[in-house]
């Protein structure tokens, strides 16, 4: 029975992912997801208590499909603050092309769709937590520039890592991913790290 539940849950998540991308996050209803999955609306609600739960689960499902844990390995294994900083920027800059379609869909829909906003906030909170871990390590090592408080440094780093900034630099300005990663590492170091 649990194998069948897993198959049904996967079908629902696959369909939700596809519809979210195809519709750019707008007006993806539970009924649409059920129809695309070949199950009843009740079956969708058996697996997900609300549309918000389904949207969050969909984003996390995509993280699993795209190997988020493996991609974060270098960041998690880094020891010094500067290693953590470089690893985080490298991870995020290279991961965004994989998730950009869903991120853009959620970003566009979040103003009018509470479930999309909740899924967006869930992911952005995770990114902010990564920024906080990085800055806290750098601060602990005494490397944060005296011009910044820890909270201000987290705010700035998180803002620099935003999907909107990545989108502007890569999609609109045409920067290759490698250039984005290298330049962001340089910018963050030059702004937040004190000269030794």
N, C-alpha and C. Protein backbone atom coordinates (compact mmCIF):
# COMPACT_ATOMS: atom_id res chain seq x y z
N UNK A 1 0.82 -1.21 0.00
CA UNK A 1 0.00 0.00 0.00
C UNK A 1 0.86 1.26 0.00
N UNK A 2 1.92 1.30 0.84
CA UNK A 2 2.75 2.51 0.90
C UNK A 2 3.48 2.74 -0.42
N UNK A 3 3.81 1.67 -1.16
CA UNK A 3 4.43 1.81 -2.47
C UNK A 3 3.47 2.50 -3.43
N UNK A 4 2.20 2.14 -3.36
CA UNK A 4 1.18 2.75 -4.21
C UNK A 4 1.00 4.22 -3.84
N UNK A 5 1.04 4.51 -2.55
CA UNK A 5 0.93 5.90 -2.09
C UNK A 5 2.11 6.70 -2.62
N UNK A 6 3.30 6.12 -2.56
CA UNK A 6 4.49 6.81 -3.06
C UNK A 6 4.38 7.09 -4.55
N UNK A 7 3.86 6.11 -5.31
CA UNK A 7 3.69 6.30 -6.75
C UNK A 7 2.69 7.41 -7.04
N UNK A 8 1.59 7.41 -6.30
CA UNK A 8 0.57 8.44 -6.49
C UNK A 8 1.11 9.80 -6.11
N UNK A 9 1.80 9.87 -4.99
CA UNK A 9 2.39 11.14 -4.54
C UNK A 9 3.37 11.66 -5.59
N UNK A 10 4.20 10.78 -6.14
CA UNK A 10 5.16 11.18 -7.17
C UNK A 10 4.44 11.70 -8.41
N UNK A 11 3.38 11.02 -8.83
CA UNK A 11 2.60 11.46 -9.99
C UNK A 11 2.05 12.86 -9.75
N UNK A 12 1.55 13.09 -8.55
CA UNK A 12 0.99 14.40 -8.21
C UNK A 12 2.08 15.47 -8.26
N UNK A 13 3.23 15.17 -7.67
CA UNK A 13 4.33 16.13 -7.64
C UNK A 13 4.88 16.40 -9.04
N UNK A 14 4.99 15.35 -9.86
CA UNK A 14 5.43 15.54 -11.24
C UNK A 14 4.47 16.46 -12.00
N UNK A 15 3.18 16.20 -11.83
CA UNK A 15 2.16 17.00 -12.52
C UNK A 15 2.16 18.44 -12.01
N UNK A 16 2.27 18.60 -10.71
CA UNK A 16 2.30 19.96 -10.15
C UNK A 16 3.50 20.72 -10.67
N UNK A 17 4.66 20.07 -10.74
CA UNK A 17 5.87 20.72 -11.26
C UNK A 17 5.66 21.18 -12.69
N UNK A 18 5.14 20.28 -13.51
CA UNK A 18 4.94 20.59 -14.93
C UNK A 18 3.93 21.73 -15.10
N UNK A 19 2.81 21.66 -14.38
CA UNK A 19 1.79 22.70 -14.50
C UNK A 19 2.29 24.05 -13.98
N UNK A 20 3.08 24.00 -12.93
CA UNK A 20 3.65 25.22 -12.37
C UNK A 20 4.54 25.90 -13.40
N UNK A 21 5.34 25.11 -14.10
CA UNK A 21 6.22 25.66 -15.13
C UNK A 21 5.43 26.13 -16.35
N UNK A 22 4.51 25.27 -16.83
CA UNK A 22 3.75 25.60 -18.03
C UNK A 22 2.89 26.85 -17.84
N UNK A 23 2.30 26.98 -16.66
CA UNK A 23 1.42 28.11 -16.40
C UNK A 23 2.10 29.27 -15.74
N UNK A 24 3.43 29.19 -15.61
CA UNK A 24 4.22 30.23 -14.94
C UNK A 24 3.69 30.50 -13.53
N UNK A 25 3.17 29.45 -12.89
CA UNK A 25 2.76 29.55 -11.51
C UNK A 25 1.38 30.11 -11.28
N UNK A 26 0.73 30.54 -12.34
CA UNK A 26 -0.56 31.20 -12.18
C UNK A 26 -1.71 30.21 -12.34
N UNK A 27 -2.66 30.32 -11.45
CA UNK A 27 -3.92 29.57 -11.54
C UNK A 27 -3.72 28.06 -11.66
N UNK A 28 -2.75 27.53 -10.96
CA UNK A 28 -2.59 26.07 -10.91
C UNK A 28 -3.45 25.58 -9.75
N UNK A 29 -4.61 25.04 -10.09
CA UNK A 29 -5.57 24.62 -9.07
C UNK A 29 -5.38 23.14 -8.73
N UNK A 30 -5.86 22.77 -7.58
CA UNK A 30 -5.79 21.37 -7.15
C UNK A 30 -6.51 20.48 -8.17
N UNK A 31 -7.63 20.95 -8.71
CA UNK A 31 -8.37 20.17 -9.70
C UNK A 31 -7.53 19.94 -10.95
N UNK A 32 -6.77 20.95 -11.37
CA UNK A 32 -5.90 20.82 -12.54
C UNK A 32 -4.80 19.78 -12.29
N UNK A 33 -4.25 19.84 -11.09
CA UNK A 33 -3.18 18.90 -10.72
C UNK A 33 -3.74 17.48 -10.66
N UNK A 34 -4.92 17.34 -10.08
CA UNK A 34 -5.56 16.02 -10.01
C UNK A 34 -5.79 15.46 -11.41
N UNK A 35 -6.35 16.28 -12.29
CA UNK A 35 -6.63 15.84 -13.67
C UNK A 35 -5.33 15.43 -14.38
N UNK A 36 -4.30 16.26 -14.27
CA UNK A 36 -3.02 15.97 -14.92
C UNK A 36 -2.37 14.71 -14.34
N UNK A 37 -2.66 14.43 -13.08
CA UNK A 37 -2.09 13.25 -12.41
C UNK A 37 -2.88 11.98 -12.65
N UNK A 38 -4.11 12.15 -13.14
CA UNK A 38 -4.98 11.00 -13.35
C UNK A 38 -5.57 10.46 -12.05
N UNK A 39 -5.73 11.34 -11.07
CA UNK A 39 -6.33 10.95 -9.78
C UNK A 39 -7.45 11.94 -9.44
N UNK A 40 -8.21 11.61 -8.43
CA UNK A 40 -9.29 12.50 -8.01
C UNK A 40 -8.74 13.63 -7.14
N UNK A 41 -9.52 14.70 -7.01
CA UNK A 41 -9.13 15.79 -6.11
C UNK A 41 -8.98 15.26 -4.69
N UNK A 42 -9.86 14.35 -4.31
CA UNK A 42 -9.78 13.77 -2.97
C UNK A 42 -8.45 13.06 -2.76
N UNK A 43 -7.97 12.38 -3.79
CA UNK A 43 -6.69 11.69 -3.68
C UNK A 43 -5.56 12.70 -3.48
N UNK A 44 -5.64 13.83 -4.17
CA UNK A 44 -4.62 14.87 -3.98
C UNK A 44 -4.65 15.34 -2.53
N UNK A 45 -5.86 15.57 -2.00
CA UNK A 45 -5.98 16.05 -0.61
C UNK A 45 -5.61 14.98 0.41
N UNK A 46 -5.67 13.72 0.03
CA UNK A 46 -5.19 12.67 0.93
C UNK A 46 -3.68 12.76 1.13
N UNK A 47 -2.99 13.23 0.10
CA UNK A 47 -1.53 13.34 0.16
C UNK A 47 -1.06 14.71 0.62
N UNK A 48 -1.85 15.73 0.36
CA UNK A 48 -1.46 17.10 0.70
C UNK A 48 -2.66 17.81 1.31
N UNK A 49 -2.51 18.26 2.54
CA UNK A 49 -3.64 18.85 3.27
C UNK A 49 -4.16 20.13 2.64
N UNK A 50 -3.29 20.85 1.93
CA UNK A 50 -3.71 22.11 1.33
C UNK A 50 -2.88 22.38 0.08
N UNK A 51 -3.30 23.35 -0.69
CA UNK A 51 -2.54 23.73 -1.87
C UNK A 51 -1.17 24.27 -1.47
N UNK A 52 -1.11 24.98 -0.36
CA UNK A 52 0.18 25.47 0.14
C UNK A 52 1.12 24.31 0.42
N UNK A 53 0.62 23.28 1.11
CA UNK A 53 1.45 22.10 1.38
C UNK A 53 1.95 21.47 0.08
N UNK A 54 1.08 21.42 -0.91
CA UNK A 54 1.47 20.83 -2.19
C UNK A 54 2.53 21.68 -2.89
N UNK A 55 2.39 22.99 -2.88
CA UNK A 55 3.38 23.85 -3.54
C UNK A 55 4.76 23.72 -2.86
N UNK A 56 4.77 23.72 -1.53
CA UNK A 56 6.03 23.56 -0.81
C UNK A 56 6.64 22.19 -1.10
N UNK A 57 5.80 21.15 -1.07
CA UNK A 57 6.29 19.80 -1.36
C UNK A 57 6.82 19.70 -2.78
N UNK A 58 6.21 20.40 -3.72
CA UNK A 58 6.65 20.38 -5.11
C UNK A 58 8.05 20.97 -5.24
N UNK A 59 8.28 22.09 -4.59
CA UNK A 59 9.60 22.72 -4.65
C UNK A 59 10.65 21.81 -4.00
N UNK A 60 10.30 21.21 -2.88
CA UNK A 60 11.25 20.30 -2.22
C UNK A 60 11.48 19.04 -3.04
N UNK A 61 10.45 18.58 -3.72
CA UNK A 61 10.57 17.43 -4.61
C UNK A 61 11.57 17.73 -5.73
N UNK A 62 11.46 18.93 -6.31
CA UNK A 62 12.39 19.31 -7.36
C UNK A 62 13.82 19.40 -6.81
N UNK A 63 13.95 19.88 -5.58
CA UNK A 63 15.28 19.90 -4.95
C UNK A 63 15.86 18.49 -4.90
N UNK A 64 15.01 17.53 -4.58
CA UNK A 64 15.45 16.14 -4.52
C UNK A 64 15.83 15.63 -5.91
N UNK A 65 15.00 15.92 -6.90
CA UNK A 65 15.29 15.49 -8.28
C UNK A 65 16.59 16.09 -8.80
N UNK A 66 16.84 17.34 -8.45
CA UNK A 66 18.03 18.04 -8.94
C UNK A 66 19.25 17.83 -8.06
N UNK A 67 19.16 16.94 -7.08
CA UNK A 67 20.32 16.58 -6.27
C UNK A 67 20.82 17.68 -5.36
N UNK A 68 19.90 18.35 -4.69
CA UNK A 68 20.28 19.47 -3.82
C UNK A 68 21.30 19.07 -2.77
N UNK A 69 21.10 17.94 -2.11
CA UNK A 69 22.02 17.53 -1.05
C UNK A 69 23.45 17.37 -1.57
N UNK A 70 23.57 16.73 -2.71
CA UNK A 70 24.91 16.55 -3.30
C UNK A 70 25.51 17.89 -3.71
N UNK A 71 24.70 18.76 -4.26
CA UNK A 71 25.18 20.08 -4.68
C UNK A 71 25.66 20.91 -3.49
N UNK A 72 25.08 20.67 -2.32
CA UNK A 72 25.45 21.42 -1.12
C UNK A 72 26.65 20.83 -0.39
N UNK A 73 27.15 19.72 -0.86
CA UNK A 73 28.22 19.02 -0.15
C UNK A 73 29.44 19.91 0.12
N UNK A 74 29.93 20.58 -0.90
CA UNK A 74 31.12 21.43 -0.71
C UNK A 74 30.85 22.52 0.33
N UNK A 75 29.68 23.12 0.27
CA UNK A 75 29.30 24.15 1.23
C UNK A 75 29.28 23.58 2.65
N UNK A 76 28.67 22.42 2.80
CA UNK A 76 28.56 21.82 4.14
C UNK A 76 29.91 21.35 4.68
N UNK A 77 30.81 20.96 3.79
CA UNK A 77 32.11 20.45 4.23
C UNK A 77 33.16 21.54 4.38
N UNK A 78 32.88 22.73 3.87
CA UNK A 78 33.84 23.83 3.98
C UNK A 78 34.04 24.18 5.45
N UNK A 79 35.25 24.60 5.78
CA UNK A 79 35.60 24.85 7.18
C UNK A 79 35.74 26.34 7.47
N UNK A 80 36.54 27.03 6.69
CA UNK A 80 36.76 28.44 6.97
C UNK A 80 35.63 29.29 6.38
N UNK A 81 35.49 30.48 6.91
CA UNK A 81 34.44 31.37 6.44
C UNK A 81 34.55 31.69 4.97
N UNK A 82 35.77 31.94 4.48
CA UNK A 82 35.93 32.27 3.07
C UNK A 82 35.67 31.07 2.17
N UNK A 83 36.02 29.87 2.63
CA UNK A 83 35.69 28.66 1.88
C UNK A 83 34.17 28.49 1.81
N UNK A 84 33.50 28.72 2.93
CA UNK A 84 32.04 28.60 2.98
C UNK A 84 31.40 29.63 2.05
N UNK A 85 31.91 30.86 2.08
CA UNK A 85 31.39 31.93 1.23
C UNK A 85 31.50 31.55 -0.24
N UNK A 86 32.69 31.16 -0.67
CA UNK A 86 32.88 30.80 -2.07
C UNK A 86 32.03 29.59 -2.46
N UNK A 87 31.95 28.60 -1.58
CA UNK A 87 31.18 27.39 -1.88
C UNK A 87 29.69 27.70 -1.99
N UNK A 88 29.20 28.58 -1.13
CA UNK A 88 27.76 28.92 -1.17
C UNK A 88 27.42 29.65 -2.46
N UNK A 89 28.24 30.62 -2.84
CA UNK A 89 27.98 31.37 -4.07
C UNK A 89 28.09 30.44 -5.29
N UNK A 90 29.07 29.55 -5.27
CA UNK A 90 29.22 28.59 -6.37
C UNK A 90 28.01 27.66 -6.45
N UNK A 91 27.58 27.15 -5.31
CA UNK A 91 26.39 26.28 -5.28
C UNK A 91 25.19 27.01 -5.86
N UNK A 92 24.89 28.18 -5.32
CA UNK A 92 23.66 28.88 -5.69
C UNK A 92 23.70 29.34 -7.15
N UNK A 93 24.83 29.86 -7.59
CA UNK A 93 24.95 30.31 -8.97
C UNK A 93 24.77 29.19 -9.98
N UNK A 94 25.21 27.98 -9.62
CA UNK A 94 25.07 26.83 -10.52
C UNK A 94 23.75 26.09 -10.35
N UNK A 95 23.10 26.27 -9.21
CA UNK A 95 21.81 25.60 -8.98
C UNK A 95 20.65 26.39 -9.59
N UNK A 96 20.75 27.70 -9.60
CA UNK A 96 19.66 28.52 -10.11
C UNK A 96 19.23 28.18 -11.54
N UNK A 97 20.16 27.89 -12.47
CA UNK A 97 19.68 27.53 -13.81
C UNK A 97 18.77 26.30 -13.81
N UNK A 98 18.99 25.38 -12.87
CA UNK A 98 18.17 24.17 -12.79
C UNK A 98 16.75 24.49 -12.32
N UNK A 99 16.63 25.37 -11.35
CA UNK A 99 15.33 25.63 -10.72
C UNK A 99 14.69 26.93 -11.19
N UNK A 100 15.34 27.62 -12.11
CA UNK A 100 14.89 28.95 -12.49
C UNK A 100 13.43 28.97 -12.97
N UNK A 101 13.03 28.00 -13.76
CA UNK A 101 11.66 27.99 -14.27
C UNK A 101 10.63 27.98 -13.15
N UNK A 102 10.82 27.13 -12.17
CA UNK A 102 9.89 27.06 -11.04
C UNK A 102 10.03 28.30 -10.17
N UNK A 103 11.28 28.74 -9.95
CA UNK A 103 11.49 29.95 -9.14
C UNK A 103 10.79 31.15 -9.78
N UNK A 104 10.92 31.28 -11.08
CA UNK A 104 10.27 32.40 -11.79
C UNK A 104 8.76 32.29 -11.69
N UNK A 105 8.23 31.08 -11.83
CA UNK A 105 6.79 30.89 -11.73
C UNK A 105 6.28 31.29 -10.35
N UNK A 106 6.97 30.86 -9.31
CA UNK A 106 6.56 31.22 -7.95
C UNK A 106 6.73 32.71 -7.70
N UNK A 107 7.82 33.27 -8.19
CA UNK A 107 8.10 34.69 -8.02
C UNK A 107 6.98 35.53 -8.66
N UNK A 108 6.58 35.15 -9.86
CA UNK A 108 5.55 35.89 -10.58
C UNK A 108 4.17 35.75 -9.93
N UNK A 109 3.90 34.58 -9.35
CA UNK A 109 2.57 34.30 -8.80
C UNK A 109 2.41 34.69 -7.33
N UNK A 110 3.50 34.95 -6.63
CA UNK A 110 3.42 35.12 -5.17
C UNK A 110 2.57 36.29 -4.72
N UNK A 111 2.45 37.33 -5.55
CA UNK A 111 1.66 38.49 -5.15
C UNK A 111 0.18 38.22 -5.07
N UNK A 112 -0.30 37.27 -5.85
CA UNK A 112 -1.74 37.00 -5.89
C UNK A 112 -2.10 35.58 -5.46
N UNK A 113 -1.11 34.80 -5.06
CA UNK A 113 -1.35 33.38 -4.75
C UNK A 113 -0.64 33.03 -3.45
N UNK A 114 -1.42 32.80 -2.41
CA UNK A 114 -0.84 32.54 -1.08
C UNK A 114 -0.01 31.26 -1.06
N UNK A 115 -0.43 30.25 -1.79
CA UNK A 115 0.32 28.99 -1.80
C UNK A 115 1.67 29.18 -2.49
N UNK A 116 1.67 29.90 -3.61
CA UNK A 116 2.93 30.18 -4.30
C UNK A 116 3.84 31.03 -3.41
N UNK A 117 3.25 31.99 -2.71
CA UNK A 117 4.03 32.84 -1.80
C UNK A 117 4.65 32.01 -0.68
N UNK A 118 3.89 31.06 -0.15
CA UNK A 118 4.40 30.20 0.93
C UNK A 118 5.55 29.34 0.43
N UNK A 119 5.41 28.78 -0.78
CA UNK A 119 6.49 27.96 -1.35
C UNK A 119 7.72 28.82 -1.61
N UNK A 120 7.52 30.02 -2.14
CA UNK A 120 8.62 30.94 -2.39
C UNK A 120 9.33 31.28 -1.07
N UNK A 121 8.55 31.64 -0.06
CA UNK A 121 9.12 32.02 1.23
C UNK A 121 9.88 30.86 1.86
N UNK A 122 9.38 29.65 1.70
CA UNK A 122 10.06 28.46 2.23
C UNK A 122 11.46 28.34 1.64
N UNK A 123 11.58 28.50 0.33
CA UNK A 123 12.87 28.37 -0.33
C UNK A 123 13.79 29.55 0.00
N UNK A 124 13.23 30.75 0.02
CA UNK A 124 14.07 31.92 0.29
C UNK A 124 14.56 31.93 1.75
N UNK A 125 13.78 31.35 2.64
CA UNK A 125 14.23 31.21 4.03
C UNK A 125 15.43 30.27 4.09
N UNK A 126 15.40 29.21 3.29
CA UNK A 126 16.55 28.29 3.25
C UNK A 126 17.80 29.00 2.73
N UNK A 127 17.64 29.82 1.70
CA UNK A 127 18.78 30.55 1.17
C UNK A 127 19.29 31.56 2.20
N UNK A 128 18.38 32.22 2.86
CA UNK A 128 18.79 33.19 3.91
C UNK A 128 19.55 32.47 5.03
N UNK A 129 19.09 31.27 5.39
CA UNK A 129 19.80 30.50 6.42
C UNK A 129 21.22 30.16 5.99
N UNK A 130 21.40 29.83 4.70
CA UNK A 130 22.75 29.57 4.18
C UNK A 130 23.60 30.83 4.24
N UNK A 131 23.01 31.97 3.92
CA UNK A 131 23.72 33.24 4.01
C UNK A 131 24.10 33.53 5.47
N UNK A 132 23.18 33.26 6.39
CA UNK A 132 23.44 33.50 7.81
C UNK A 132 24.58 32.61 8.31
N UNK A 133 24.56 31.33 7.95
CA UNK A 133 25.64 30.43 8.38
C UNK A 133 26.99 30.95 7.89
N UNK A 134 27.01 31.40 6.64
CA UNK A 134 28.24 31.91 6.05
C UNK A 134 28.75 33.14 6.81
N UNK A 135 27.87 34.09 7.01
CA UNK A 135 28.26 35.35 7.67
C UNK A 135 28.65 35.10 9.13
N UNK A 136 27.93 34.23 9.82
CA UNK A 136 28.27 33.94 11.21
C UNK A 136 29.66 33.33 11.34
N UNK A 137 30.02 32.46 10.40
CA UNK A 137 31.36 31.87 10.42
C UNK A 137 32.42 32.94 10.16
N UNK A 138 32.16 33.78 9.18
CA UNK A 138 33.10 34.85 8.85
C UNK A 138 33.25 35.80 10.04
N UNK A 139 32.13 36.13 10.67
CA UNK A 139 32.18 37.01 11.84
C UNK A 139 32.96 36.36 12.98
N UNK A 140 32.71 35.08 13.21
CA UNK A 140 33.41 34.34 14.27
C UNK A 140 34.93 34.38 14.04
N UNK A 141 35.33 34.38 12.79
CA UNK A 141 36.76 34.43 12.45
C UNK A 141 37.30 35.86 12.46
N UNK A 142 36.44 36.83 12.76
CA UNK A 142 36.87 38.22 12.82
C UNK A 142 37.13 38.86 11.47
N UNK A 143 36.47 38.36 10.43
CA UNK A 143 36.74 38.85 9.08
C UNK A 143 35.69 39.81 8.52
N UNK A 144 34.59 40.01 9.24
CA UNK A 144 33.56 40.93 8.75
C UNK A 144 34.10 42.36 8.87
N UNK A 145 33.92 43.12 7.81
CA UNK A 145 34.33 44.52 7.82
C UNK A 145 33.61 45.24 8.95
N UNK A 146 34.32 46.14 9.61
CA UNK A 146 33.74 46.86 10.75
C UNK A 146 32.58 47.77 10.35
N UNK A 147 32.41 47.99 9.06
CA UNK A 147 31.31 48.82 8.57
C UNK A 147 29.96 48.13 8.66
N UNK A 148 29.98 46.81 8.89
CA UNK A 148 28.74 46.03 8.84
C UNK A 148 28.48 45.34 10.17
N UNK A 149 27.20 45.34 10.58
CA UNK A 149 26.80 44.45 11.66
C UNK A 149 26.56 43.09 11.05
N UNK A 150 26.50 42.08 11.87
CA UNK A 150 26.24 40.74 11.35
C UNK A 150 24.91 40.70 10.60
N UNK A 151 23.86 41.27 11.20
CA UNK A 151 22.54 41.22 10.55
C UNK A 151 22.52 41.99 9.24
N UNK A 152 23.20 43.13 9.18
CA UNK A 152 23.28 43.88 7.93
C UNK A 152 24.03 43.07 6.86
N UNK A 153 25.08 42.41 7.28
CA UNK A 153 25.85 41.60 6.33
C UNK A 153 25.01 40.45 5.78
N UNK A 154 24.21 39.81 6.66
CA UNK A 154 23.31 38.75 6.20
C UNK A 154 22.30 39.32 5.21
N UNK A 155 21.70 40.47 5.56
CA UNK A 155 20.72 41.10 4.67
C UNK A 155 21.31 41.38 3.30
N UNK A 156 22.51 41.96 3.27
CA UNK A 156 23.13 42.31 2.00
C UNK A 156 23.49 41.06 1.20
N UNK A 157 24.10 40.08 1.85
CA UNK A 157 24.49 38.85 1.16
C UNK A 157 23.26 38.17 0.56
N UNK A 158 22.19 38.07 1.34
CA UNK A 158 20.95 37.45 0.87
C UNK A 158 20.38 38.21 -0.32
N UNK A 159 20.43 39.52 -0.27
CA UNK A 159 19.93 40.34 -1.37
C UNK A 159 20.78 40.14 -2.62
N UNK A 160 22.09 40.12 -2.45
CA UNK A 160 22.97 39.90 -3.60
C UNK A 160 22.72 38.54 -4.25
N UNK A 161 22.33 37.55 -3.45
CA UNK A 161 22.08 36.20 -3.96
C UNK A 161 20.67 36.01 -4.49
N UNK A 162 19.89 37.07 -4.57
CA UNK A 162 18.48 36.94 -4.97
C UNK A 162 18.34 36.40 -6.39
N UNK A 163 17.23 35.74 -6.62
CA UNK A 163 16.91 35.23 -7.95
C UNK A 163 16.82 36.40 -8.93
N UNK A 164 16.26 37.51 -8.47
CA UNK A 164 16.13 38.68 -9.34
C UNK A 164 17.48 39.18 -9.83
N UNK A 165 18.47 39.24 -8.94
CA UNK A 165 19.81 39.68 -9.35
C UNK A 165 20.45 38.68 -10.30
N UNK A 166 20.32 37.40 -9.99
CA UNK A 166 20.86 36.36 -10.87
C UNK A 166 20.22 36.47 -12.26
N UNK A 167 18.89 36.64 -12.28
CA UNK A 167 18.14 36.74 -13.53
C UNK A 167 18.62 37.94 -14.35
N UNK A 168 18.78 39.07 -13.69
CA UNK A 168 19.21 40.28 -14.40
C UNK A 168 20.60 40.09 -15.01
N UNK A 169 21.52 39.55 -14.23
CA UNK A 169 22.90 39.43 -14.71
C UNK A 169 23.07 38.34 -15.76
N UNK A 170 22.38 37.21 -15.60
CA UNK A 170 22.57 36.11 -16.56
C UNK A 170 21.61 36.18 -17.73
N UNK A 171 20.31 36.28 -17.45
CA UNK A 171 19.32 36.27 -18.54
C UNK A 171 19.29 37.58 -19.30
N UNK A 172 19.32 38.70 -18.58
CA UNK A 172 19.18 39.99 -19.25
C UNK A 172 20.52 40.54 -19.76
N UNK A 173 21.57 40.41 -18.95
CA UNK A 173 22.88 40.96 -19.36
C UNK A 173 23.75 39.93 -20.08
N UNK A 174 23.35 38.67 -20.04
CA UNK A 174 24.05 37.65 -20.79
C UNK A 174 25.31 37.10 -20.15
N UNK A 175 25.49 37.31 -18.85
CA UNK A 175 26.68 36.76 -18.20
C UNK A 175 26.61 35.24 -18.20
N UNK A 176 27.70 34.56 -18.55
CA UNK A 176 27.75 33.11 -18.36
C UNK A 176 27.75 32.81 -16.85
N UNK A 177 27.32 31.62 -16.49
CA UNK A 177 27.23 31.24 -15.08
C UNK A 177 28.59 31.35 -14.39
N UNK A 178 29.64 30.92 -15.06
CA UNK A 178 30.98 30.98 -14.46
C UNK A 178 31.35 32.42 -14.10
N UNK A 179 31.02 33.35 -14.98
CA UNK A 179 31.33 34.76 -14.73
C UNK A 179 30.50 35.27 -13.55
N UNK A 180 29.21 34.89 -13.51
CA UNK A 180 28.35 35.29 -12.40
C UNK A 180 28.95 34.84 -11.08
N UNK A 181 29.32 33.56 -11.00
CA UNK A 181 29.87 33.01 -9.76
C UNK A 181 31.15 33.75 -9.37
N UNK A 182 32.06 33.89 -10.31
CA UNK A 182 33.34 34.53 -10.02
C UNK A 182 33.16 35.98 -9.58
N UNK A 183 32.31 36.73 -10.29
CA UNK A 183 32.10 38.14 -9.96
C UNK A 183 31.39 38.31 -8.62
N UNK A 184 30.43 37.45 -8.33
CA UNK A 184 29.72 37.55 -7.05
C UNK A 184 30.66 37.23 -5.89
N UNK A 185 31.51 36.25 -6.07
CA UNK A 185 32.50 35.95 -5.03
C UNK A 185 33.38 37.17 -4.77
N UNK A 186 33.82 37.80 -5.84
CA UNK A 186 34.67 38.98 -5.73
C UNK A 186 33.93 40.14 -5.06
N UNK A 187 32.71 40.39 -5.49
CA UNK A 187 31.92 41.51 -4.94
C UNK A 187 31.65 41.31 -3.46
N UNK A 188 31.17 40.14 -3.09
CA UNK A 188 30.83 39.89 -1.69
C UNK A 188 32.08 40.01 -0.82
N UNK A 189 33.18 39.44 -1.27
CA UNK A 189 34.44 39.56 -0.50
C UNK A 189 34.85 41.02 -0.36
N UNK A 190 34.79 41.77 -1.45
CA UNK A 190 35.27 43.16 -1.40
C UNK A 190 34.38 44.05 -0.54
N UNK A 191 33.11 43.75 -0.46
CA UNK A 191 32.18 44.58 0.31
C UNK A 191 32.13 44.19 1.78
N UNK A 192 32.11 42.89 2.06
CA UNK A 192 31.84 42.44 3.44
C UNK A 192 33.06 42.02 4.23
N UNK A 193 34.15 41.68 3.55
CA UNK A 193 35.33 41.15 4.25
C UNK A 193 36.35 42.26 4.47
N UNK A 194 36.84 42.35 5.69
CA UNK A 194 37.83 43.38 5.97
C UNK A 194 39.19 42.99 5.39
N UNK A 195 39.93 44.00 5.00
CA UNK A 195 41.27 43.75 4.46
C UNK A 195 42.20 43.34 5.60
N UNK A 196 43.03 42.33 5.32
CA UNK A 196 43.97 41.86 6.35
C UNK A 196 45.39 42.23 5.97
